[in-house]
Amino acid sequence: VLPENIGNLSNLVSLELRENLLTFLPESLSQLHRLEELDLGNNELYSLPDSIGGLINLKDLWLDGNHLTEIPLAIGDIKTLLCLDVSENKIGSLPEEMGGLVSLTDLLVSQNSIESLPGSIGELRKLSILKADQNSIMFLPESIGSCESLTELVLTENQLQSLPASIGKLKHLSNLNCDRNRLTTLPKEIGGCSSLNVFC
């Protein structure tokens, strides 16, 4: 357990606590206003405090390999966040508030139990990499077509039965992985993905 007074480390820019046995994060963590990197991967975390939204300068947040079942709504308050890794958890859904992560370039949600992506994902105009393989996603929202910076979209091993027509708007998409799903046809609009190099 981290001490409650960790919030007193007001000059902290990077906090790396990967591969420990942490089960709990103190509320005072939100007082680390200069923190830019927070690595809590491969711990024993079951939840995150809502106060995590107070990390107003955070750029990279690694939470992979824990036991998280949800992401707090306050995550959308971290406007500076560039990379969010919550892969290998037990997350069932992503909150609409994630649309507030307007600076996000990398979203890694592989190996969870996610059934759908929020419609607000279309607000992530700077998103370049979205890895959502090994989930239970049944459909993609039409708004995915608004992720105009997307270059890599990994959807391997889900439950997708179709792809939205809006996928054809992804002019910068170079890698599209949707193998091991339930697709029976592809939308004709896929021809609009003029930068596609790898499609499997």
N, C-alpha and C. Protein backbone atom coordinates (compact mmCIF):
# COMPACT_ATOMS: atom_id res chain seq x y z
N VAL A 1 0.84 -1.20 0.00
CA VAL A 1 0.00 0.00 0.00
C VAL A 1 0.88 1.24 0.00
N LEU A 2 0.53 2.21 -0.84
CA LEU A 2 1.26 3.47 -0.85
C LEU A 2 0.84 4.31 0.35
N PRO A 3 1.77 5.02 0.97
CA PRO A 3 1.41 5.86 2.11
C PRO A 3 0.50 7.02 1.69
N GLU A 4 -0.40 7.41 2.57
CA GLU A 4 -1.35 8.48 2.26
C GLU A 4 -0.64 9.79 1.96
N ASN A 5 0.53 9.99 2.56
CA ASN A 5 1.22 11.26 2.36
C ASN A 5 2.07 11.30 1.09
N ILE A 6 1.87 10.34 0.19
CA ILE A 6 2.63 10.37 -1.06
C ILE A 6 2.30 11.64 -1.85
N GLY A 7 1.14 12.20 -1.57
CA GLY A 7 0.75 13.44 -2.24
C GLY A 7 1.63 14.62 -1.90
N ASN A 8 2.46 14.47 -0.88
CA ASN A 8 3.38 15.55 -0.50
C ASN A 8 4.57 15.67 -1.44
N LEU A 9 4.77 14.67 -2.29
CA LEU A 9 5.91 14.69 -3.22
C LEU A 9 5.56 15.55 -4.43
N SER A 10 5.39 16.82 -4.18
CA SER A 10 4.79 17.73 -5.16
C SER A 10 5.63 17.97 -6.41
N ASN A 11 6.90 17.61 -6.39
CA ASN A 11 7.76 17.81 -7.57
C ASN A 11 7.91 16.55 -8.42
N LEU A 12 7.23 15.49 -8.02
CA LEU A 12 7.36 14.21 -8.71
C LEU A 12 6.83 14.31 -10.15
N VAL A 13 7.66 13.88 -11.10
CA VAL A 13 7.29 13.90 -12.51
C VAL A 13 7.01 12.48 -13.02
N SER A 14 7.73 11.50 -12.49
CA SER A 14 7.58 10.12 -12.93
C SER A 14 7.49 9.19 -11.72
N LEU A 15 6.49 8.32 -11.73
CA LEU A 15 6.31 7.35 -10.65
C LEU A 15 6.12 5.98 -11.27
N GLU A 16 7.09 5.10 -11.10
CA GLU A 16 7.06 3.77 -11.70
C GLU A 16 7.05 2.71 -10.61
N LEU A 17 5.94 2.02 -10.51
CA LEU A 17 5.76 1.00 -9.47
C LEU A 17 5.29 -0.32 -10.07
N ARG A 18 5.71 -0.58 -11.29
CA ARG A 18 5.33 -1.81 -12.00
C ARG A 18 5.82 -3.05 -11.26
N GLU A 19 5.03 -4.12 -11.39
CA GLU A 19 5.39 -5.44 -10.85
C GLU A 19 5.64 -5.41 -9.35
N ASN A 20 4.64 -4.90 -8.64
CA ASN A 20 4.62 -4.99 -7.19
C ASN A 20 3.33 -5.68 -6.78
N LEU A 21 2.91 -5.49 -5.56
CA LEU A 21 1.69 -6.13 -5.06
C LEU A 21 0.72 -5.08 -4.53
N LEU A 22 0.68 -3.94 -5.17
CA LEU A 22 -0.18 -2.85 -4.72
C LEU A 22 -1.65 -3.21 -4.93
N THR A 23 -2.46 -2.99 -3.90
CA THR A 23 -3.89 -3.30 -3.98
C THR A 23 -4.75 -2.05 -3.88
N PHE A 24 -4.14 -0.92 -3.56
CA PHE A 24 -4.93 0.27 -3.24
C PHE A 24 -4.12 1.53 -3.55
N LEU A 25 -4.80 2.55 -4.07
CA LEU A 25 -4.15 3.83 -4.33
C LEU A 25 -4.78 4.90 -3.44
N PRO A 26 -3.98 5.65 -2.70
CA PRO A 26 -4.53 6.68 -1.82
C PRO A 26 -5.09 7.86 -2.61
N GLU A 27 -6.10 8.52 -2.07
CA GLU A 27 -6.70 9.69 -2.70
C GLU A 27 -5.67 10.79 -2.93
N SER A 28 -4.68 10.86 -2.05
CA SER A 28 -3.69 11.94 -2.13
C SER A 28 -2.85 11.88 -3.40
N LEU A 29 -2.93 10.76 -4.12
CA LEU A 29 -2.19 10.63 -5.38
C LEU A 29 -2.53 11.77 -6.33
N SER A 30 -3.77 12.24 -6.24
CA SER A 30 -4.24 13.29 -7.14
C SER A 30 -3.56 14.63 -6.89
N GLN A 31 -2.82 14.74 -5.80
CA GLN A 31 -2.13 15.99 -5.49
C GLN A 31 -0.78 16.11 -6.22
N LEU A 32 -0.42 15.07 -6.94
CA LEU A 32 0.85 15.08 -7.68
C LEU A 32 0.63 15.79 -9.02
N HIS A 33 0.43 17.09 -8.95
CA HIS A 33 0.00 17.85 -10.13
C HIS A 33 1.06 17.95 -11.22
N ARG A 34 2.31 17.65 -10.90
CA ARG A 34 3.36 17.70 -11.92
C ARG A 34 3.64 16.34 -12.55
N LEU A 35 2.97 15.33 -12.06
CA LEU A 35 3.22 13.96 -12.53
C LEU A 35 2.88 13.82 -14.01
N GLU A 36 3.82 13.29 -14.79
CA GLU A 36 3.62 13.08 -16.21
C GLU A 36 3.57 11.60 -16.58
N GLU A 37 4.23 10.76 -15.80
CA GLU A 37 4.25 9.32 -16.08
C GLU A 37 3.88 8.55 -14.82
N LEU A 38 2.91 7.66 -14.95
CA LEU A 38 2.49 6.82 -13.82
C LEU A 38 2.37 5.39 -14.32
N ASP A 39 3.25 4.53 -13.84
CA ASP A 39 3.27 3.14 -14.26
C ASP A 39 2.89 2.24 -13.08
N LEU A 40 1.69 1.68 -13.16
CA LEU A 40 1.19 0.78 -12.12
C LEU A 40 0.87 -0.59 -12.70
N GLY A 41 1.51 -0.92 -13.81
CA GLY A 41 1.27 -2.19 -14.47
C GLY A 41 1.66 -3.38 -13.61
N ASN A 42 0.94 -4.49 -13.79
CA ASN A 42 1.23 -5.75 -13.10
C ASN A 42 1.29 -5.60 -11.59
N ASN A 43 0.19 -5.08 -11.04
CA ASN A 43 0.00 -5.04 -9.60
C ASN A 43 -1.27 -5.82 -9.27
N GLU A 44 -1.89 -5.53 -8.15
CA GLU A 44 -3.09 -6.25 -7.72
C GLU A 44 -4.24 -5.26 -7.49
N LEU A 45 -4.32 -4.26 -8.34
CA LEU A 45 -5.35 -3.22 -8.19
C LEU A 45 -6.70 -3.70 -8.70
N TYR A 46 -7.74 -3.49 -7.90
CA TYR A 46 -9.10 -3.86 -8.27
C TYR A 46 -9.94 -2.64 -8.64
N SER A 47 -9.48 -1.46 -8.25
CA SER A 47 -10.21 -0.23 -8.56
C SER A 47 -9.26 0.96 -8.52
N LEU A 48 -9.73 2.07 -9.08
CA LEU A 48 -8.97 3.31 -9.08
C LEU A 48 -9.79 4.38 -8.39
N PRO A 49 -9.15 5.28 -7.65
CA PRO A 49 -9.91 6.36 -7.02
C PRO A 49 -10.38 7.39 -8.06
N ASP A 50 -11.56 7.96 -7.85
CA ASP A 50 -12.05 9.00 -8.76
C ASP A 50 -11.09 10.18 -8.83
N SER A 51 -10.33 10.35 -7.77
CA SER A 51 -9.42 11.49 -7.70
C SER A 51 -8.30 11.42 -8.74
N ILE A 52 -8.21 10.30 -9.45
CA ILE A 52 -7.15 10.17 -10.46
C ILE A 52 -7.30 11.24 -11.53
N GLY A 53 -8.52 11.76 -11.68
CA GLY A 53 -8.75 12.83 -12.63
C GLY A 53 -8.03 14.11 -12.28
N GLY A 54 -7.50 14.19 -11.06
CA GLY A 54 -6.77 15.37 -10.62
C GLY A 54 -5.33 15.43 -11.11
N LEU A 55 -4.89 14.38 -11.79
CA LEU A 55 -3.51 14.35 -12.32
C LEU A 55 -3.48 15.13 -13.64
N ILE A 56 -3.55 16.43 -13.53
CA ILE A 56 -3.83 17.31 -14.66
C ILE A 56 -2.70 17.43 -15.68
N ASN A 57 -1.51 16.93 -15.38
CA ASN A 57 -0.40 16.99 -16.34
C ASN A 57 0.06 15.61 -16.79
N LEU A 58 -0.72 14.58 -16.45
CA LEU A 58 -0.32 13.21 -16.77
C LEU A 58 -0.34 12.97 -18.28
N LYS A 59 0.72 12.34 -18.78
CA LYS A 59 0.82 12.04 -20.20
C LYS A 59 0.73 10.54 -20.48
N ASP A 60 1.31 9.73 -19.60
CA ASP A 60 1.33 8.28 -19.81
C ASP A 60 0.84 7.57 -18.56
N LEU A 61 -0.16 6.71 -18.74
CA LEU A 61 -0.73 5.96 -17.62
C LEU A 61 -0.80 4.49 -17.99
N TRP A 62 -0.03 3.67 -17.27
CA TRP A 62 0.00 2.23 -17.51
C TRP A 62 -0.67 1.51 -16.34
N LEU A 63 -1.71 0.78 -16.65
CA LEU A 63 -2.47 0.03 -15.64
C LEU A 63 -2.67 -1.41 -16.08
N ASP A 64 -1.89 -1.85 -17.04
CA ASP A 64 -2.03 -3.19 -17.59
C ASP A 64 -1.72 -4.26 -16.54
N GLY A 65 -2.37 -5.41 -16.69
CA GLY A 65 -2.07 -6.55 -15.82
C GLY A 65 -2.52 -6.38 -14.39
N ASN A 66 -3.71 -5.79 -14.19
CA ASN A 66 -4.30 -5.68 -12.86
C ASN A 66 -5.64 -6.42 -12.84
N HIS A 67 -6.53 -6.05 -11.94
CA HIS A 67 -7.84 -6.71 -11.84
C HIS A 67 -8.97 -5.70 -11.96
N LEU A 68 -8.73 -4.62 -12.69
CA LEU A 68 -9.72 -3.56 -12.81
C LEU A 68 -10.96 -4.03 -13.56
N THR A 69 -12.13 -3.65 -13.05
CA THR A 69 -13.39 -3.99 -13.72
C THR A 69 -14.01 -2.77 -14.40
N GLU A 70 -13.52 -1.59 -14.06
CA GLU A 70 -14.03 -0.37 -14.69
C GLU A 70 -12.98 0.74 -14.62
N ILE A 71 -13.21 1.75 -15.43
CA ILE A 71 -12.36 2.94 -15.43
C ILE A 71 -13.19 4.08 -14.87
N PRO A 72 -12.66 4.81 -13.89
CA PRO A 72 -13.46 5.89 -13.30
C PRO A 72 -13.83 6.97 -14.33
N LEU A 73 -15.03 7.54 -14.17
CA LEU A 73 -15.51 8.55 -15.10
C LEU A 73 -14.57 9.75 -15.16
N ALA A 74 -13.91 10.02 -14.04
CA ALA A 74 -13.02 11.18 -13.94
C ALA A 74 -11.82 11.08 -14.86
N ILE A 75 -11.60 9.92 -15.47
CA ILE A 75 -10.46 9.76 -16.37
C ILE A 75 -10.52 10.79 -17.49
N GLY A 76 -11.73 11.16 -17.87
CA GLY A 76 -11.91 12.12 -18.96
C GLY A 76 -11.42 13.51 -18.65
N ASP A 77 -11.09 13.76 -17.39
CA ASP A 77 -10.59 15.08 -16.99
C ASP A 77 -9.11 15.28 -17.29
N ILE A 78 -8.42 14.19 -17.64
CA ILE A 78 -6.97 14.27 -17.86
C ILE A 78 -6.73 14.64 -19.33
N LYS A 79 -6.88 15.90 -19.64
CA LYS A 79 -6.82 16.38 -21.03
C LYS A 79 -5.45 16.23 -21.66
N THR A 80 -4.42 16.04 -20.83
CA THR A 80 -3.04 15.95 -21.33
C THR A 80 -2.63 14.52 -21.68
N LEU A 81 -3.47 13.54 -21.36
CA LEU A 81 -3.08 12.13 -21.48
C LEU A 81 -2.82 11.75 -22.94
N LEU A 82 -1.66 11.16 -23.19
CA LEU A 82 -1.27 10.71 -24.52
C LEU A 82 -1.44 9.21 -24.69
N CYS A 83 -1.09 8.45 -23.64
CA CYS A 83 -1.12 6.99 -23.72
C CYS A 83 -1.84 6.41 -22.51
N LEU A 84 -2.83 5.57 -22.77
CA LEU A 84 -3.55 4.87 -21.71
C LEU A 84 -3.51 3.38 -22.01
N ASP A 85 -2.92 2.62 -21.09
CA ASP A 85 -2.82 1.17 -21.25
C ASP A 85 -3.56 0.49 -20.10
N VAL A 86 -4.71 -0.09 -20.41
CA VAL A 86 -5.47 -0.85 -19.41
C VAL A 86 -5.67 -2.29 -19.90
N SER A 87 -4.77 -2.77 -20.73
CA SER A 87 -4.87 -4.14 -21.24
C SER A 87 -4.68 -5.15 -20.11
N GLU A 88 -5.18 -6.35 -20.33
CA GLU A 88 -5.07 -7.46 -19.37
C GLU A 88 -5.68 -7.11 -18.01
N ASN A 89 -6.95 -6.67 -18.06
CA ASN A 89 -7.73 -6.45 -16.85
C ASN A 89 -9.05 -7.19 -17.01
N LYS A 90 -10.07 -6.75 -16.32
CA LYS A 90 -11.39 -7.40 -16.39
C LYS A 90 -12.47 -6.36 -16.67
N ILE A 91 -12.12 -5.38 -17.46
CA ILE A 91 -13.00 -4.25 -17.76
C ILE A 91 -14.12 -4.68 -18.71
N GLY A 92 -15.36 -4.36 -18.34
CA GLY A 92 -16.51 -4.74 -19.15
C GLY A 92 -16.96 -3.67 -20.12
N SER A 93 -16.68 -2.42 -19.82
CA SER A 93 -17.07 -1.32 -20.71
C SER A 93 -16.19 -0.11 -20.46
N LEU A 94 -16.15 0.76 -21.44
CA LEU A 94 -15.39 2.01 -21.33
C LEU A 94 -16.39 3.15 -21.20
N PRO A 95 -16.15 4.09 -20.29
CA PRO A 95 -17.11 5.17 -20.07
C PRO A 95 -17.12 6.18 -21.22
N GLU A 96 -18.29 6.78 -21.47
CA GLU A 96 -18.41 7.82 -22.48
C GLU A 96 -17.47 8.99 -22.19
N GLU A 97 -17.16 9.17 -20.92
CA GLU A 97 -16.29 10.28 -20.51
C GLU A 97 -14.89 10.20 -21.12
N MET A 98 -14.55 9.04 -21.66
CA MET A 98 -13.24 8.91 -22.29
C MET A 98 -13.10 9.81 -23.51
N GLY A 99 -14.22 10.28 -24.01
CA GLY A 99 -14.18 11.23 -25.12
C GLY A 99 -13.49 12.53 -24.74
N GLY A 100 -13.32 12.75 -23.45
CA GLY A 100 -12.63 13.95 -22.98
C GLY A 100 -11.12 13.89 -23.12
N LEU A 101 -10.60 12.72 -23.46
CA LEU A 101 -9.14 12.55 -23.58
C LEU A 101 -8.67 13.04 -24.95
N VAL A 102 -8.80 14.34 -25.16
CA VAL A 102 -8.62 14.93 -26.48
C VAL A 102 -7.18 14.88 -27.00
N SER A 103 -6.21 14.61 -26.13
CA SER A 103 -4.81 14.53 -26.56
C SER A 103 -4.35 13.10 -26.81
N LEU A 104 -5.21 12.13 -26.51
CA LEU A 104 -4.82 10.72 -26.53
C LEU A 104 -4.38 10.26 -27.92
N THR A 105 -3.22 9.60 -27.97
CA THR A 105 -2.71 9.04 -29.22
C THR A 105 -2.72 7.51 -29.20
N ASP A 106 -2.56 6.91 -28.02
CA ASP A 106 -2.50 5.45 -27.89
C ASP A 106 -3.50 4.98 -26.84
N LEU A 107 -4.42 4.11 -27.27
CA LEU A 107 -5.39 3.51 -26.35
C LEU A 107 -5.27 1.99 -26.46
N LEU A 108 -4.83 1.37 -25.37
CA LEU A 108 -4.58 -0.07 -25.35
C LEU A 108 -5.52 -0.73 -24.36
N VAL A 109 -6.49 -1.48 -24.88
CA VAL A 109 -7.51 -2.11 -24.03
C VAL A 109 -7.62 -3.61 -24.32
N SER A 110 -6.57 -4.21 -24.84
CA SER A 110 -6.57 -5.63 -25.19
C SER A 110 -6.80 -6.51 -23.97
N GLN A 111 -7.35 -7.70 -24.21
CA GLN A 111 -7.52 -8.73 -23.18
C GLN A 111 -8.34 -8.24 -21.98
N ASN A 112 -9.55 -7.80 -22.29
CA ASN A 112 -10.52 -7.45 -21.26
C ASN A 112 -11.83 -8.17 -21.58
N SER A 113 -12.94 -7.64 -21.12
CA SER A 113 -14.25 -8.24 -21.39
C SER A 113 -15.18 -7.21 -22.02
N ILE A 114 -14.61 -6.29 -22.77
CA ILE A 114 -15.36 -5.17 -23.35
C ILE A 114 -16.28 -5.65 -24.47
N GLU A 115 -17.55 -5.25 -24.40
CA GLU A 115 -18.54 -5.66 -25.40
C GLU A 115 -18.79 -4.60 -26.46
N SER A 116 -18.49 -3.34 -26.14
CA SER A 116 -18.67 -2.27 -27.12
C SER A 116 -17.77 -1.09 -26.76
N LEU A 117 -17.47 -0.29 -27.76
CA LEU A 117 -16.69 0.93 -27.55
C LEU A 117 -17.66 2.10 -27.44
N PRO A 118 -17.35 3.09 -26.62
CA PRO A 118 -18.28 4.22 -26.45
C PRO A 118 -18.38 5.06 -27.72
N GLY A 119 -19.56 5.62 -27.96
CA GLY A 119 -19.73 6.48 -29.12
C GLY A 119 -18.82 7.69 -29.09
N SER A 120 -18.45 8.09 -27.89
CA SER A 120 -17.59 9.27 -27.72
C SER A 120 -16.18 9.04 -28.23
N ILE A 121 -15.87 7.83 -28.63
CA ILE A 121 -14.51 7.56 -29.12
C ILE A 121 -14.20 8.41 -30.35
N GLY A 122 -15.24 8.82 -31.04
CA GLY A 122 -15.06 9.67 -32.22
C GLY A 122 -14.50 11.04 -31.90
N GLU A 123 -14.52 11.41 -30.63
CA GLU A 123 -13.98 12.71 -30.21
C GLU A 123 -12.46 12.67 -30.04
N LEU A 124 -11.89 11.47 -30.14
CA LEU A 124 -10.44 11.31 -29.98
C LEU A 124 -9.75 11.52 -31.33
N ARG A 125 -9.70 12.76 -31.75
CA ARG A 125 -9.22 13.10 -33.10
C ARG A 125 -7.73 12.88 -33.28
N LYS A 126 -6.99 12.77 -32.18
CA LYS A 126 -5.54 12.55 -32.27
C LYS A 126 -5.15 11.09 -32.08
N LEU A 127 -6.15 10.24 -31.85
CA LEU A 127 -5.88 8.82 -31.60
C LEU A 127 -5.23 8.18 -32.82
N SER A 128 -4.05 7.59 -32.61
CA SER A 128 -3.31 6.96 -33.69
C SER A 128 -3.35 5.44 -33.61
N ILE A 129 -3.28 4.91 -32.39
CA ILE A 129 -3.25 3.46 -32.19
C ILE A 129 -4.36 3.04 -31.24
N LEU A 130 -5.20 2.13 -31.70
CA LEU A 130 -6.26 1.55 -30.86
C LEU A 130 -6.12 0.04 -30.93
N LYS A 131 -5.74 -0.55 -29.81
CA LYS A 131 -5.62 -2.00 -29.73
C LYS A 131 -6.70 -2.52 -28.79
N ALA A 132 -7.65 -3.23 -29.36
CA ALA A 132 -8.78 -3.74 -28.59
C ALA A 132 -9.00 -5.23 -28.85
N ASP A 133 -7.93 -5.94 -29.15
CA ASP A 133 -8.02 -7.37 -29.44
C ASP A 133 -8.33 -8.17 -28.17
N GLN A 134 -8.86 -9.37 -28.38
CA GLN A 134 -9.18 -10.31 -27.30
C GLN A 134 -10.15 -9.70 -26.28
N ASN A 135 -11.27 -9.22 -26.81
CA ASN A 135 -12.38 -8.75 -25.99
C ASN A 135 -13.64 -9.46 -26.47
N SER A 136 -14.80 -8.86 -26.24
CA SER A 136 -16.07 -9.44 -26.69
C SER A 136 -16.86 -8.40 -27.48
N ILE A 137 -16.15 -7.55 -28.20
CA ILE A 137 -16.78 -6.45 -28.93
C ILE A 137 -17.64 -6.99 -30.07
N MET A 138 -18.92 -6.58 -30.08
CA MET A 138 -19.86 -7.07 -31.08
C MET A 138 -20.05 -6.10 -32.24
N PHE A 139 -19.78 -4.81 -32.00
CA PHE A 139 -19.92 -3.83 -33.08
C PHE A 139 -19.04 -2.62 -32.77
N LEU A 140 -18.73 -1.87 -33.81
CA LEU A 140 -18.00 -0.61 -33.65
C LEU A 140 -18.98 0.53 -33.87
N PRO A 141 -18.89 1.59 -33.09
CA PRO A 141 -19.77 2.73 -33.31
C PRO A 141 -19.42 3.43 -34.62
N GLU A 142 -20.41 4.00 -35.29
CA GLU A 142 -20.16 4.74 -36.53
C GLU A 142 -19.15 5.86 -36.30
N SER A 143 -19.11 6.37 -35.07
CA SER A 143 -18.23 7.49 -34.76
C SER A 143 -16.75 7.15 -34.90
N ILE A 144 -16.42 5.86 -35.04
CA ILE A 144 -15.02 5.47 -35.21
C ILE A 144 -14.42 6.17 -36.43
N GLY A 145 -15.28 6.48 -37.39
CA GLY A 145 -14.82 7.15 -38.60
C GLY A 145 -14.32 8.56 -38.37
N SER A 146 -14.61 9.11 -37.19
CA SER A 146 -14.14 10.46 -36.86
C SER A 146 -12.75 10.46 -36.25
N CYS A 147 -12.21 9.28 -35.98
CA CYS A 147 -10.84 9.18 -35.44
C CYS A 147 -9.86 9.34 -36.60
N GLU A 148 -9.77 10.57 -37.08
CA GLU A 148 -9.10 10.85 -38.35
C GLU A 148 -7.60 10.58 -38.35
N SER A 149 -6.99 10.46 -37.17
CA SER A 149 -5.54 10.22 -37.10
C SER A 149 -5.19 8.74 -36.94
N LEU A 150 -6.20 7.88 -36.92
CA LEU A 150 -5.97 6.46 -36.65
C LEU A 150 -5.10 5.82 -37.73
N THR A 151 -4.01 5.18 -37.30
CA THR A 151 -3.13 4.47 -38.22
C THR A 151 -3.15 2.96 -37.98
N GLU A 152 -3.47 2.56 -36.75
CA GLU A 152 -3.46 1.13 -36.41
C GLU A 152 -4.70 0.79 -35.60
N LEU A 153 -5.48 -0.16 -36.10
CA LEU A 153 -6.71 -0.59 -35.44
C LEU A 153 -6.68 -2.11 -35.33
N VAL A 154 -6.52 -2.60 -34.10
CA VAL A 154 -6.37 -4.04 -33.87
C VAL A 154 -7.62 -4.56 -33.15
N LEU A 155 -8.37 -5.42 -33.84
CA LEU A 155 -9.65 -5.93 -33.33
C LEU A 155 -9.69 -7.46 -33.37
N THR A 156 -8.54 -8.08 -33.42
CA THR A 156 -8.44 -9.54 -33.47
C THR A 156 -9.14 -10.20 -32.28
N GLU A 157 -9.80 -11.32 -32.53
CA GLU A 157 -10.44 -12.11 -31.47
C GLU A 157 -11.50 -11.34 -30.69
N ASN A 158 -12.53 -10.91 -31.43
CA ASN A 158 -13.71 -10.32 -30.82
C ASN A 158 -14.94 -11.04 -31.35
N GLN A 159 -16.10 -10.39 -31.27
CA GLN A 159 -17.34 -11.00 -31.74
C GLN A 159 -17.98 -10.15 -32.85
N LEU A 160 -17.15 -9.42 -33.58
CA LEU A 160 -17.66 -8.52 -34.62
C LEU A 160 -18.36 -9.28 -35.74
N GLN A 161 -19.57 -8.83 -36.07
CA GLN A 161 -20.31 -9.42 -37.18
C GLN A 161 -20.28 -8.54 -38.42
N SER A 162 -19.91 -7.28 -38.21
CA SER A 162 -19.81 -6.35 -39.33
C SER A 162 -18.92 -5.18 -38.94
N LEU A 163 -18.51 -4.42 -39.94
CA LEU A 163 -17.75 -3.19 -39.72
C LEU A 163 -18.60 -2.03 -40.21
N PRO A 164 -18.55 -0.89 -39.54
CA PRO A 164 -19.37 0.25 -39.96
C PRO A 164 -18.87 0.86 -41.26
N ALA A 165 -19.79 1.44 -42.02
CA ALA A 165 -19.42 2.08 -43.28
C ALA A 165 -18.43 3.22 -43.05
N SER A 166 -18.51 3.83 -41.88
CA SER A 166 -17.65 4.99 -41.59
C SER A 166 -16.18 4.64 -41.54
N ILE A 167 -15.87 3.36 -41.50
CA ILE A 167 -14.46 2.96 -41.44
C ILE A 167 -13.71 3.44 -42.68
N GLY A 168 -14.45 3.67 -43.75
CA GLY A 168 -13.85 4.16 -44.98
C GLY A 168 -13.33 5.58 -44.89
N LYS A 169 -13.66 6.27 -43.81
CA LYS A 169 -13.18 7.64 -43.61
C LYS A 169 -11.78 7.69 -43.02
N LEU A 170 -11.27 6.54 -42.63
CA LEU A 170 -9.96 6.49 -41.95
C LEU A 170 -8.84 6.49 -43.00
N LYS A 171 -8.56 7.67 -43.50
CA LYS A 171 -7.62 7.83 -44.63
C LYS A 171 -6.17 7.52 -44.27
N HIS A 172 -5.85 7.57 -42.97
CA HIS A 172 -4.46 7.33 -42.56
C HIS A 172 -4.24 5.92 -42.01
N LEU A 173 -5.29 5.11 -42.01
CA LEU A 173 -5.20 3.76 -41.44
C LEU A 173 -4.26 2.90 -42.29
N SER A 174 -3.21 2.38 -41.65
CA SER A 174 -2.26 1.53 -42.38
C SER A 174 -2.36 0.06 -41.95
N ASN A 175 -2.78 -0.18 -40.71
CA ASN A 175 -2.93 -1.55 -40.21
C ASN A 175 -4.34 -1.77 -39.67
N LEU A 176 -5.03 -2.74 -40.23
CA LEU A 176 -6.36 -3.12 -39.74
C LEU A 176 -6.37 -4.62 -39.51
N ASN A 177 -6.51 -5.01 -38.25
CA ASN A 177 -6.54 -6.43 -37.89
C ASN A 177 -7.92 -6.77 -37.34
N CYS A 178 -8.66 -7.59 -38.07
CA CYS A 178 -9.97 -8.03 -37.59
C CYS A 178 -10.16 -9.53 -37.83
N ASP A 179 -9.06 -10.26 -37.80
CA ASP A 179 -9.13 -11.71 -37.92
C ASP A 179 -9.73 -12.32 -36.65
N ARG A 180 -10.25 -13.52 -36.78
CA ARG A 180 -10.87 -14.26 -35.68
C ARG A 180 -12.06 -13.50 -35.07
N ASN A 181 -12.97 -13.10 -35.95
CA ASN A 181 -14.23 -12.50 -35.56
C ASN A 181 -15.36 -13.29 -36.22
N ARG A 182 -16.51 -12.66 -36.43
CA ARG A 182 -17.65 -13.33 -37.06
C ARG A 182 -18.11 -12.58 -38.30
N LEU A 183 -17.18 -11.95 -38.97
CA LEU A 183 -17.50 -11.17 -40.15
C LEU A 183 -17.93 -12.07 -41.30
N THR A 184 -19.00 -11.67 -41.97
CA THR A 184 -19.45 -12.41 -43.16
C THR A 184 -19.29 -11.57 -44.41
N THR A 185 -19.14 -10.26 -44.23
CA THR A 185 -18.97 -9.35 -45.37
C THR A 185 -18.24 -8.11 -44.89
N LEU A 186 -17.72 -7.37 -45.83
CA LEU A 186 -17.05 -6.10 -45.53
C LEU A 186 -17.79 -4.97 -46.23
N PRO A 187 -17.85 -3.80 -45.62
CA PRO A 187 -18.54 -2.68 -46.27
C PRO A 187 -17.74 -2.21 -47.49
N LYS A 188 -18.47 -1.81 -48.54
CA LYS A 188 -17.77 -1.35 -49.75
C LYS A 188 -16.92 -0.12 -49.47
N GLU A 189 -17.28 0.61 -48.40
CA GLU A 189 -16.54 1.83 -48.05
C GLU A 189 -15.10 1.55 -47.61
N ILE A 190 -14.78 0.28 -47.37
CA ILE A 190 -13.42 -0.07 -46.96
C ILE A 190 -12.40 0.41 -47.99
N GLY A 191 -12.87 0.58 -49.22
CA GLY A 191 -12.01 1.07 -50.29
C GLY A 191 -11.50 2.48 -50.06
N GLY A 192 -12.12 3.18 -49.11
CA GLY A 192 -11.67 4.53 -48.80
C GLY A 192 -10.43 4.57 -47.93
N CYS A 193 -10.05 3.42 -47.38
CA CYS A 193 -8.86 3.35 -46.52
C CYS A 193 -7.61 3.26 -47.41
N SER A 194 -7.30 4.36 -48.06
CA SER A 194 -6.29 4.37 -49.12
C SER A 194 -4.86 4.17 -48.63
N SER A 195 -4.63 4.28 -47.32
CA SER A 195 -3.27 4.10 -46.80
C SER A 195 -3.02 2.70 -46.25
N LEU A 196 -4.01 1.82 -46.38
CA LEU A 196 -3.93 0.50 -45.77
C LEU A 196 -2.78 -0.34 -46.36
N ASN A 197 -1.90 -0.79 -45.48
CA ASN A 197 -0.78 -1.66 -45.87
C ASN A 197 -1.00 -3.09 -45.43
N VAL A 198 -1.54 -3.26 -44.22
CA VAL A 198 -1.78 -4.59 -43.66
C VAL A 198 -3.25 -4.71 -43.30
N PHE A 199 -3.90 -5.72 -43.86
CA PHE A 199 -5.32 -5.98 -43.59
C PHE A 199 -5.46 -7.47 -43.36
N CYS A 200 -5.74 -7.85 -42.12
CA CYS A 200 -5.87 -9.27 -41.83
C CYS A 200 -6.95 -9.49 -40.78
